[in-house]
PDB file of N, CA and C in Angstrom:
ATOM      1  N   UNK A   1      92.219  94.726 117.535  1.00  0.00           N
ATOM      2  CA  UNK A   1      93.684  95.343 117.230  1.00  0.00           C
ATOM      3  C   UNK A   1      93.836  95.277 115.695  1.00  0.00           C
ATOM      4  N   UNK A   2      94.150  96.219 115.002  1.00  0.00           N
ATOM      5  CA  UNK A   2      94.444  96.356 113.708  1.00  0.00           C
ATOM      6  C   UNK A   2      96.006  96.399 113.436  1.00  0.00           C
ATOM      7  N   UNK A   3      96.751  95.324 113.488  1.00  0.00           N
ATOM      8  CA  UNK A   3      98.241  95.424 113.239  1.00  0.00           C
ATOM      9  C   UNK A   3      98.613  95.337 111.744  1.00  0.00           C
ATOM     10  N   UNK A   4      99.768  95.807 111.455  1.00  0.00           N
ATOM     11  CA  UNK A   4     100.111  96.190 110.102  1.00  0.00           C
ATOM     12  C   UNK A   4     100.400  94.751 109.466  1.00  0.00           C
ATOM     13  N   UNK A   5     100.073  94.559 108.288  1.00  0.00           N
ATOM     14  CA  UNK A   5     100.423  93.084 107.728  1.00  0.00           C
ATOM     15  C   UNK A   5      99.883  93.569 106.092  1.00  0.00           C
ATOM     16  N   UNK A   6     100.760  94.078 105.517  1.00  0.00           N
ATOM     17  CA  UNK A   6     100.336  94.544 104.029  1.00  0.00           C
ATOM     18  C   UNK A   6     101.774  94.269 103.457  1.00  0.00           C
ATOM     19  N   UNK A   7     101.785  93.798 102.207  1.00  0.00           N
ATOM     20  CA  UNK A   7     102.762  93.409 101.420  1.00  0.00           C
ATOM     21  C   UNK A   7     102.620  93.929  99.896  1.00  0.00           C
ATOM     22  N   UNK A   8     103.408  94.836  99.218  1.00  0.00           N
ATOM     23  CA  UNK A   8     103.397  94.948  98.026  1.00  0.00           C
ATOM     24  C   UNK A   8     104.487  94.419  97.238  1.00  0.00           C
ATOM     25  N   UNK A   9     104.285  93.682  96.115  1.00  0.00           N
ATOM     26  CA  UNK A   9     105.644  93.122  95.462  1.00  0.00           C
ATOM     27  C   UNK A   9     105.301  93.178  93.835  1.00  0.00           C
ATOM     28  N   UNK A  10     106.371  93.129  93.256  1.00  0.00           N
ATOM     29  CA  UNK A  10     106.198  93.358  91.916  1.00  0.00           C
ATOM     30  C   UNK A  10     107.326  92.277  91.426  1.00  0.00           C
ATOM     31  N   UNK A  11     106.973  91.655  89.929  1.00  0.00           N
ATOM     32  CA  UNK A  11     107.806  90.660  89.677  1.00  0.00           C
ATOM     33  C   UNK A  11     107.100  89.881  88.457  1.00  0.00           C
ATOM     34  N   UNK A  12     107.391  88.715  88.236  1.00  0.00           N
ATOM     35  CA  UNK A  12     106.865  87.875  87.242  1.00  0.00           C
ATOM     36  C   UNK A  12     106.171  86.572  87.798  1.00  0.00           C
ATOM     37  N   UNK A  13     105.153  86.204  86.994  1.00  0.00           N
ATOM     38  CA  UNK A  13     104.423  84.667  87.324  1.00  0.00           C
ATOM     39  C   UNK A  13     105.360  83.816  87.160  1.00  0.00           C
ATOM     40  N   UNK A  14     106.071  83.248  88.183  1.00  0.00           N
ATOM     41  CA  UNK A  14     106.904  81.996  88.085  1.00  0.00           C
ATOM     42  C   UNK A  14     106.374  80.787  87.876  1.00  0.00           C
ATOM     43  N   UNK A  15     105.088  80.356  88.395  1.00  0.00           N
ATOM     44  CA  UNK A  15     104.487  79.378  88.434  1.00  0.00           C
ATOM     45  C   UNK A  15     103.130  79.518  88.839  1.00  0.00           C
ATOM     46  N   UNK A  16     102.351  78.544  88.207  1.00  0.00           N
ATOM     47  CA  UNK A  16     100.694  78.610  88.396  1.00  0.00           C
ATOM     48  C   UNK A  16     100.378  77.349  88.577  1.00  0.00           C
ATOM     49  N   UNK A  17      99.319  77.207  89.582  1.00  0.00           N
ATOM     50  CA  UNK A  17      98.706  75.844  89.712  1.00  0.00           C
ATOM     51  C   UNK A  17      97.343  75.866  88.890  1.00  0.00           C
ATOM     52  N   UNK A  18      96.894  74.729  89.149  1.00  0.00           N
ATOM     53  CA  UNK A  18      95.415  74.585  88.531  1.00  0.00           C
ATOM     54  C   UNK A  18      94.382  75.397  89.542  1.00  0.00           C
ATOM     55  N   UNK A  19      93.369  75.915  88.586  1.00  0.00           N
ATOM     56  CA  UNK A  19      92.294  76.531  89.467  1.00  0.00           C
ATOM     57  C   UNK A  19      91.463  75.357  90.005  1.00  0.00           C
ATOM     58  N   UNK A  20      91.169  75.567  91.236  1.00  0.00           N
ATOM     59  CA  UNK A  20      90.442  74.780  91.949  1.00  0.00           C
ATOM     60  C   UNK A  20      89.357  75.339  92.855  1.00  0.00           C
ATOM     61  N   UNK A  21      88.705  74.569  93.619  1.00  0.00           N
ATOM     62  CA  UNK A  21      87.702  75.163  94.602  1.00  0.00           C
ATOM     63  C   UNK A  21      87.760  74.665  96.134  1.00  0.00           C
ATOM     64  N   UNK A  22      87.396  75.501  96.871  1.00  0.00           N
ATOM     65  CA  UNK A  22      87.490  75.219  98.435  1.00  0.00           C
ATOM     66  C   UNK A  22      86.133  74.233  98.553  1.00  0.00           C
ATOM     67  N   UNK A  23      86.140  73.644  99.714  1.00  0.00           N
ATOM     68  CA  UNK A  23      84.951  72.749  99.985  1.00  0.00           C
ATOM     69  C   UNK A  23      83.532  73.691 100.050  1.00  0.00           C
ATOM     70  N   UNK A  24      83.695  75.026 100.276  1.00  0.00           N
ATOM     71  CA  UNK A  24      82.624  75.972 100.149  1.00  0.00           C
ATOM     72  C   UNK A  24      82.292  76.521  98.675  1.00  0.00           C
ATOM     73  N   UNK A  25      83.183  76.072  97.783  1.00  0.00           N
ATOM     74  CA  UNK A  25      83.050  76.391  96.341  1.00  0.00           C
ATOM     75  C   UNK A  25      83.466  77.477  95.808  1.00  0.00           C
ATOM     76  N   UNK A  26      84.708  78.115  96.557  1.00  0.00           N
ATOM     77  CA  UNK A  26      85.136  79.303  96.311  1.00  0.00           C
ATOM     78  C   UNK A  26      86.344  79.098  95.486  1.00  0.00           C
ATOM     79  N   UNK A  27      86.489  79.544  94.256  1.00  0.00           N
ATOM     80  CA  UNK A  27      87.596  79.432  93.408  1.00  0.00           C
ATOM     81  C   UNK A  27      89.029  79.929  94.086  1.00  0.00           C
ATOM     82  N   UNK A  28      90.040  79.041  93.906  1.00  0.00           N
ATOM     83  CA  UNK A  28      91.406  79.353  94.461  1.00  0.00           C
ATOM     84  C   UNK A  28      92.420  78.931  93.496  1.00  0.00           C
ATOM     85  N   UNK A  29      93.589  79.723  93.371  1.00  0.00           N
ATOM     86  CA  UNK A  29      94.672  79.306  92.658  1.00  0.00           C
ATOM     87  C   UNK A  29      95.850  79.570  93.560  1.00  0.00           C
ATOM     88  N   UNK A  30      96.977  78.546  93.418  1.00  0.00           N
ATOM     89  CA  UNK A  30      98.395  78.745  94.063  1.00  0.00           C
ATOM     90  C   UNK A  30      99.352  79.135  93.107  1.00  0.00           C
ATOM     91  N   UNK A  31     100.249  79.948  93.302  1.00  0.00           N
ATOM     92  CA  UNK A  31     101.051  80.470  92.412  1.00  0.00           C
ATOM     93  C   UNK A  31     102.495  80.995  93.267  1.00  0.00           C
ATOM     94  N   UNK A  32     103.474  81.229  92.313  1.00  0.00           N
ATOM     95  CA  UNK A  32     104.748  81.507  92.756  1.00  0.00           C
ATOM     96  C   UNK A  32     105.162  82.875  91.997  1.00  0.00           C
ATOM     97  N   UNK A  33     105.781  83.831  92.632  1.00  0.00           N
ATOM     98  CA  UNK A  33     106.023  85.240  92.066  1.00  0.00           C
ATOM     99  C   UNK A  33     107.524  85.426  92.140  1.00  0.00           C
ATOM    100  N   UNK A  34     108.185  85.474  91.080  1.00  0.00           N
ATOM    101  CA  UNK A  34     109.492  85.694  91.320  1.00  0.00           C
ATOM    102  C   UNK A  34     109.841  87.177  91.246  1.00  0.00           C
ATOM    103  N   UNK A  35     110.568  87.475  92.047  1.00  0.00           N
ATOM    104  CA  UNK A  35     111.073  88.938  92.092  1.00  0.00           C
ATOM    105  C   UNK A  35     112.578  89.184  92.162  1.00  0.00           C
ATOM    106  N   UNK A  36     112.911  90.307  91.300  1.00  0.00           N
ATOM    107  CA  UNK A  36     114.402  90.728  91.282  1.00  0.00           C
ATOM    108  C   UNK A  36     114.350  92.052  91.290  1.00  0.00           C
ATOM    109  N   UNK A  37     115.425  92.726  92.049  1.00  0.00           N
ATOM    110  CA  UNK A  37     115.446  94.324  92.402  1.00  0.00           C
ATOM    111  C   UNK A  37     116.808  94.306  92.776  1.00  0.00           C
ATOM    112  N   UNK A  38     117.215  95.708  93.055  1.00  0.00           N
ATOM    113  CA  UNK A  38     118.232  96.183  94.000  1.00  0.00           C
ATOM    114  C   UNK A  38     117.675  97.092  95.068  1.00  0.00           C
ATOM    115  N   UNK A  39     118.211  97.051  96.312  1.00  0.00           N
ATOM    116  CA  UNK A  39     118.000  97.949  97.196  1.00  0.00           C
ATOM    117  C   UNK A  39     119.075  98.347  98.177  1.00  0.00           C
ATOM    118  N   UNK A  40     118.863  99.414  98.835  1.00  0.00           N
ATOM    119  CA  UNK A  40     120.156  99.754  99.677  1.00  0.00           C
ATOM    120  C   UNK A  40     120.026  99.130 101.044  1.00  0.00           C
ATOM    121  N   UNK A  41     121.007  98.614 101.530  1.00  0.00           N
ATOM    122  CA  UNK A  41     121.275  98.028 102.728  1.00  0.00           C
ATOM    123  C   UNK A  41     122.389  98.082 103.598  1.00  0.00           C
ATOM    124  N   UNK A  42     122.482  98.565 104.602  1.00  0.00           N
ATOM    125  CA  UNK A  42     123.881  99.057 105.290  1.00  0.00           C
ATOM    126  C   UNK A  42     124.750  99.718 104.566  1.00  0.00           C
ATOM    127  N   UNK A  43     124.244 100.780 103.862  1.00  0.00           N
ATOM    128  CA  UNK A  43     125.091 101.714 103.108  1.00  0.00           C
ATOM    129  C   UNK A  43     125.548 101.174 101.803  1.00  0.00           C
ATOM    130  N   UNK A  44     125.272 100.127 101.186  1.00  0.00           N
ATOM    131  CA  UNK A  44     125.363  99.721  99.897  1.00  0.00           C
ATOM    132  C   UNK A  44     124.384  99.131  99.283  1.00  0.00           C
ATOM    133  N   UNK A  45     124.510  99.046  97.923  1.00  0.00           N
ATOM    134  CA  UNK A  45     123.385  98.368  97.092  1.00  0.00           C
ATOM    135  C   UNK A  45     123.582  96.674  97.264  1.00  0.00           C
ATOM    136  N   UNK A  46     122.351  96.218  97.280  1.00  0.00           N
ATOM    137  CA  UNK A  46     122.285  94.807  97.401  1.00  0.00           C
ATOM    138  C   UNK A  46     121.421  94.246  96.416  1.00  0.00           C
ATOM    139  N   UNK A  47     121.721  93.002  95.600  1.00  0.00           N
ATOM    140  CA  UNK A  47     120.649  92.491  94.653  1.00  0.00           C
ATOM    141  C   UNK A  47     119.805  91.632  95.583  1.00  0.00           C
ATOM    142  N   UNK A  48     118.596  91.718  95.233  1.00  0.00           N
ATOM    143  CA  UNK A  48     117.578  90.868  95.888  1.00  0.00           C
ATOM    144  C   UNK A  48     116.846  90.078  94.828  1.00  0.00           C
ATOM    145  N   UNK A  49     116.889  88.641  94.960  1.00  0.00           N
ATOM    146  CA  UNK A  49     116.369  87.699  94.242  1.00  0.00           C
ATOM    147  C   UNK A  49     115.372  86.730  95.231  1.00  0.00           C
ATOM    148  N   UNK A  50     113.914  86.589  94.958  1.00  0.00           N
ATOM    149  CA  UNK A  50     113.357  85.665  95.778  1.00  0.00           C
ATOM    150  C   UNK A  50     112.220  85.285  94.894  1.00  0.00           C
ATOM    151  N   UNK A  51     111.678  84.242  95.546  1.00  0.00           N
ATOM    152  CA  UNK A  51     110.470  83.645  94.943  1.00  0.00           C
ATOM    153  C   UNK A  51     109.439  83.473  95.886  1.00  0.00           C
ATOM    154  N   UNK A  52     108.084  83.987  95.943  1.00  0.00           N
ATOM    155  CA  UNK A  52     107.247  84.045  97.040  1.00  0.00           C
ATOM    156  C   UNK A  52     106.103  83.176  96.519  1.00  0.00           C
ATOM    157  N   UNK A  53     105.578  82.326  97.477  1.00  0.00           N
ATOM    158  CA  UNK A  53     104.477  81.457  97.310  1.00  0.00           C
ATOM    159  C   UNK A  53     103.412  82.507  97.648  1.00  0.00           C
ATOM    160  N   UNK A  54     102.209  82.236  96.828  1.00  0.00           N
ATOM    161  CA  UNK A  54     101.055  82.911  96.870  1.00  0.00           C
ATOM    162  C   UNK A  54      99.846  82.374  96.769  1.00  0.00           C
ATOM    163  N   UNK A  55      98.647  82.943  97.175  1.00  0.00           N
ATOM    164  CA  UNK A  55      97.386  82.312  96.776  1.00  0.00           C
ATOM    165  C   UNK A  55      96.374  83.123  96.598  1.00  0.00           C
ATOM    166  N   UNK A  56      95.434  83.033  95.662  1.00  0.00           N
ATOM    167  CA  UNK A  56      94.488  83.943  95.309  1.00  0.00           C
ATOM    168  C   UNK A  56      93.002  83.320  95.268  1.00  0.00           C
ATOM    169  N   UNK A  57      92.000  83.945  95.514  1.00  0.00           N
ATOM    170  CA  UNK A  57      90.713  83.567  95.742  1.00  0.00           C
ATOM    171  C   UNK A  57      89.642  84.148  94.811  1.00  0.00           C
ATOM    172  N   UNK A  58      88.669  83.758  94.593  1.00  0.00           N
ATOM    173  CA  UNK A  58      87.552  84.088  93.726  1.00  0.00           C
ATOM    174  C   UNK A  58      87.865  84.993  92.736  1.00  0.00           C
ATOM    175  N   UNK A  59      87.624  86.332  92.394  1.00  0.00           N
ATOM    176  CA  UNK A  59      87.860  87.009  91.127  1.00  0.00           C
ATOM    177  C   UNK A  59      89.188  86.853  90.762  1.00  0.00           C
ATOM    178  N   UNK A  60      90.245  87.101  91.618  1.00  0.00           N
ATOM    179  CA  UNK A  60      91.433  87.154  91.521  1.00  0.00           C
ATOM    180  C   UNK A  60      91.972  85.728  90.934  1.00  0.00           C
ATOM    181  N   UNK A  61      91.419  84.517  91.615  1.00  0.00           N
ATOM    182  CA  UNK A  61      91.869  83.440  91.115  1.00  0.00           C
ATOM    183  C   UNK A  61      91.592  83.272  89.513  1.00  0.00           C
ATOM    184  N   UNK A  62      90.476  83.570  89.162  1.00  0.00           N
ATOM    185  CA  UNK A  62      89.890  83.517  87.715  1.00  0.00           C
ATOM    186  C   UNK A  62      90.928  84.291  87.110  1.00  0.00           C
ATOM    187  N   UNK A  63      91.159  85.430  87.491  1.00  0.00           N
ATOM    188  CA  UNK A  63      92.071  86.522  86.435  1.00  0.00           C
ATOM    189  C   UNK A  63      93.459  85.556  86.192  1.00  0.00           C
ATOM    190  N   UNK A  64      94.044  85.153  87.320  1.00  0.00           N
ATOM    191  CA  UNK A  64      95.301  84.544  87.293  1.00  0.00           C
ATOM    192  C   UNK A  64      95.279  83.404  86.433  1.00  0.00           C
ATOM    193  N   UNK A  65      94.153  82.516  86.385  1.00  0.00           N
ATOM    194  CA  UNK A  65      94.102  81.252  85.832  1.00  0.00           C
ATOM    195  C   UNK A  65      94.270  81.561  84.269  1.00  0.00           C
ATOM    196  N   UNK A  66      93.821  82.585  83.789  1.00  0.00           N
ATOM    197  CA  UNK A  66      94.145  82.936  82.413  1.00  0.00           C
ATOM    198  C   UNK A  66      95.433  83.593  81.897  1.00  0.00           C
ATOM    199  N   UNK A  67      96.270  83.848  82.966  1.00  0.00           N
ATOM    200  CA  UNK A  67      97.606  84.410  82.699  1.00  0.00           C
ATOM    201  C   UNK A  67      98.579  83.332  82.193  1.00  0.00           C
ATOM    202  N   UNK A  68      99.608  83.781  81.578  1.00  0.00           N
ATOM    203  CA  UNK A  68     100.618  82.751  81.227  1.00  0.00           C
ATOM    204  C   UNK A  68     101.953  83.107  82.206  1.00  0.00           C
ATOM    205  N   UNK A  69     102.679  81.911  82.458  1.00  0.00           N
ATOM    206  CA  UNK A  69     103.951  82.204  83.029  1.00  0.00           C
ATOM    207  C   UNK A  69     104.811  83.161  82.519  1.00  0.00           C
ATOM    208  N   UNK A  70     105.369  84.066  83.316  1.00  0.00           N
ATOM    209  CA  UNK A  70     106.406  84.884  82.798  1.00  0.00           C
ATOM    210  C   UNK A  70     105.671  86.176  82.677  1.00  0.00           C
ATOM    211  N   UNK A  71     104.450  86.231  82.893  1.00  0.00           N
ATOM    212  CA  UNK A  71     103.656  87.414  82.782  1.00  0.00           C
ATOM    213  C   UNK A  71     104.134  88.591  83.904  1.00  0.00           C
ATOM    214  N   UNK A  72     104.418  89.774  83.842  1.00  0.00           N
ATOM    215  CA  UNK A  72     104.841  90.879  84.755  1.00  0.00           C
ATOM    216  C   UNK A  72     103.660  91.248  85.429  1.00  0.00           C
ATOM    217  N   UNK A  73     103.793  91.282  86.862  1.00  0.00           N
ATOM    218  CA  UNK A  73     102.571  91.630  87.571  1.00  0.00           C
ATOM    219  C   UNK A  73     103.159  92.590  88.835  1.00  0.00           C
ATOM    220  N   UNK A  74     102.332  93.127  89.450  1.00  0.00           N
ATOM    221  CA  UNK A  74     102.382  93.898  90.695  1.00  0.00           C
ATOM    222  C   UNK A  74     101.355  93.502  91.664  1.00  0.00           C
ATOM    223  N   UNK A  75     101.460  93.090  92.765  1.00  0.00           N
ATOM    224  CA  UNK A  75     100.348  92.626  93.772  1.00  0.00           C
ATOM    225  C   UNK A  75     100.390  93.221  95.082  1.00  0.00           C
ATOM    226  N   UNK A  76      99.250  93.076  95.779  1.00  0.00           N
ATOM    227  CA  UNK A  76      99.349  93.382  97.221  1.00  0.00           C
ATOM    228  C   UNK A  76      98.718  92.372  97.799  1.00  0.00           C
ATOM    229  N   UNK A  77      98.946  92.175  99.177  1.00  0.00           N
ATOM    230  CA  UNK A  77      98.086  91.222  99.884  1.00  0.00           C
ATOM    231  C   UNK A  77      98.606  91.307 101.429  1.00  0.00           C
ATOM    232  N   UNK A  78      98.335  90.169 101.861  1.00  0.00           N
ATOM    233  CA  UNK A  78      98.786  90.058 103.350  1.00  0.00           C
ATOM    234  C   UNK A  78      99.481  88.699 103.669  1.00  0.00           C
ATOM    235  N   UNK A  79     100.333  88.388 104.726  1.00  0.00           N
ATOM    236  CA  UNK A  79     101.092  87.216 105.084  1.00  0.00           C
ATOM    237  C   UNK A  79     100.208  86.448 105.919  1.00  0.00           C
ATOM    238  N   UNK A  80     100.013  85.248 105.625  1.00  0.00           N
ATOM    239  CA  UNK A  80      99.445  84.096 106.673  1.00  0.00           C
ATOM    240  C   UNK A  80      99.931  82.942 106.646  1.00  0.00           C
ATOM    241  N   UNK A  81      99.911  82.074 107.696  1.00  0.00           N
ATOM    242  CA  UNK A  81     100.345  80.801 107.561  1.00  0.00           C
ATOM    243  C   UNK A  81      99.849  80.112 106.859  1.00  0.00           C
ATOM    244  N   UNK A  82     100.493  79.063 106.235  1.00  0.00           N
ATOM    245  CA  UNK A  82     100.137  78.118 104.980  1.00  0.00           C
ATOM    246  C   UNK A  82      98.691  77.406 105.727  1.00  0.00           C
ATOM    247  N   UNK A  83      98.922  77.014 106.795  1.00  0.00           N
ATOM    248  CA  UNK A  83      97.800  76.110 107.529  1.00  0.00           C
ATOM    249  C   UNK A  83      97.803  76.195 108.968  1.00  0.00           C
ATOM    250  N   UNK A  84      96.880  75.456 109.525  1.00  0.00           N
ATOM    251  CA  UNK A  84      97.155  75.519 111.184  1.00  0.00           C
ATOM    252  C   UNK A  84      98.248  74.647 111.494  1.00  0.00           C
ATOM    253  N   UNK A  85      98.868  73.748 110.652  1.00  0.00           N
ATOM    254  CA  UNK A  85      99.801  72.893 111.187  1.00  0.00           C
ATOM    255  C   UNK A  85     101.161  73.478 110.689  1.00  0.00           C
ATOM    256  N   UNK A  86     101.237  74.290 109.656  1.00  0.00           N
ATOM    257  CA  UNK A  86     102.493  74.737 108.920  1.00  0.00           C
ATOM    258  C   UNK A  86     102.375  76.168 109.262  1.00  0.00           C
ATOM    259  N   UNK A  87     103.670  76.853 109.695  1.00  0.00           N
ATOM    260  CA  UNK A  87     103.651  78.153 109.911  1.00  0.00           C
ATOM    261  C   UNK A  87     104.365  78.892 108.803  1.00  0.00           C
ATOM    262  N   UNK A  88     104.696  78.073 107.784  1.00  0.00           N
ATOM    263  CA  UNK A  88     105.180  78.695 106.507  1.00  0.00           C
ATOM    264  C   UNK A  88     104.427  79.668 105.938  1.00  0.00           C
ATOM    265  N   UNK A  89     104.984  81.022 105.652  1.00  0.00           N
ATOM    266  CA  UNK A  89     104.172  81.971 105.306  1.00  0.00           C
ATOM    267  C   UNK A  89     103.908  82.018 103.838  1.00  0.00           C
ATOM    268  N   UNK A  90     102.560  82.448 103.339  1.00  0.00           N
ATOM    269  CA  UNK A  90     102.017  82.549 102.313  1.00  0.00           C
ATOM    270  C   UNK A  90     101.542  83.948 101.859  1.00  0.00           C
ATOM    271  N   UNK A  91     101.691  84.548 100.676  1.00  0.00           N
ATOM    272  CA  UNK A  91     101.108  85.829 100.447  1.00  0.00           C
ATOM    273  C   UNK A  91      99.671  85.700 100.079  1.00  0.00           C
ATOM    274  N   UNK A  92      98.771  86.100 100.593  1.00  0.00           N
ATOM    275  CA  UNK A  92      97.263  85.964 100.237  1.00  0.00           C
ATOM    276  C   UNK A  92      96.832  87.316  99.459  1.00  0.00           C
ATOM    277  N   UNK A  93      96.889  87.209  98.099  1.00  0.00           N
ATOM    278  CA  UNK A  93      96.654  88.361  97.169  1.00  0.00           C
ATOM    279  C   UNK A  93      95.211  88.971  97.341  1.00  0.00           C
ATOM    280  N   UNK A  94      95.337  90.351  97.587  1.00  0.00           N
ATOM    281  CA  UNK A  94      93.957  91.175  97.610  1.00  0.00           C
ATOM    282  C   UNK A  94      93.930  92.064  96.354  1.00  0.00           C
ATOM    283  N   UNK A  95      94.854  92.285  95.584  1.00  0.00           N
ATOM    284  CA  UNK A  95      94.985  93.076  94.373  1.00  0.00           C
ATOM    285  C   UNK A  95      96.258  92.606  93.545  1.00  0.00           C
ATOM    286  N   UNK A  96      95.693  92.561  92.118  1.00  0.00           N
ATOM    287  CA  UNK A  96      96.746  92.007  91.079  1.00  0.00           C
ATOM    288  C   UNK A  96      96.642  93.041  89.867  1.00  0.00           C
ATOM    289  N   UNK A  97      97.647  93.440  89.329  1.00  0.00           N
ATOM    290  CA  UNK A  97      97.687  94.353  88.385  1.00  0.00           C
ATOM    291  C   UNK A  97      98.668  93.967  87.366  1.00  0.00           C
ATOM    292  N   UNK A  98      98.520  93.614  86.082  1.00  0.00           N
ATOM    293  CA  UNK A  98      99.414  92.936  85.063  1.00  0.00           C
ATOM    294  C   UNK A  98      99.784  94.217  84.496  1.00  0.00           C
ATOM    295  N   UNK A  99     101.333  94.046  84.533  1.00  0.00           N
ATOM    296  CA  UNK A  99     102.111  95.384  84.068  1.00  0.00           C
ATOM    297  C   UNK A  99     102.887  95.312  82.671  1.00  0.00           C
ATOM    298  N   UNK A 100     102.304  94.509  81.774  1.00  0.00           N
ATOM    299  CA  UNK A 100     102.798  94.333  80.674  1.00  0.00           C
ATOM    300  C   UNK A 100     103.016  95.772  79.966  1.00  0.00           C
ATOM    301  N   UNK A 101     104.293  96.088  79.597  1.00  0.00           N
ATOM    302  CA  UNK A 101     104.575  97.212  78.692  1.00  0.00           C
ATOM    303  C   UNK A 101     104.886  98.376  79.661  1.00  0.00           C
ATOM    304  N   UNK A 102     104.838  98.212  81.009  1.00  0.00           N
ATOM    305  CA  UNK A 102     105.204  99.343  81.805  1.00  0.00           C
ATOM    306  C   UNK A 102     106.619  99.550  82.191  1.00  0.00           C
TER     307      UNK A 102
END
């Protein structure tokens, strides 16, 4: 069964961890994306401000490792529990686009 679990988000790179590797040798990096926008809700405009925890693997991890905090970006991915013991959601990145100058 293929249930919907897709997230698109734009923002800036707020925080970037160190590039490390899984026990299987796959590169990974943890990061935080800061998002600010306005949207319509209940008939009025609402200011939206949030920071989202995310993780990237393999090529995306290497790409992010070279990025500077504050870099504007647009990402796509899916939500997953942080671990088996923690149900806290983390955005797993499947696409990254740096939007400098957009």
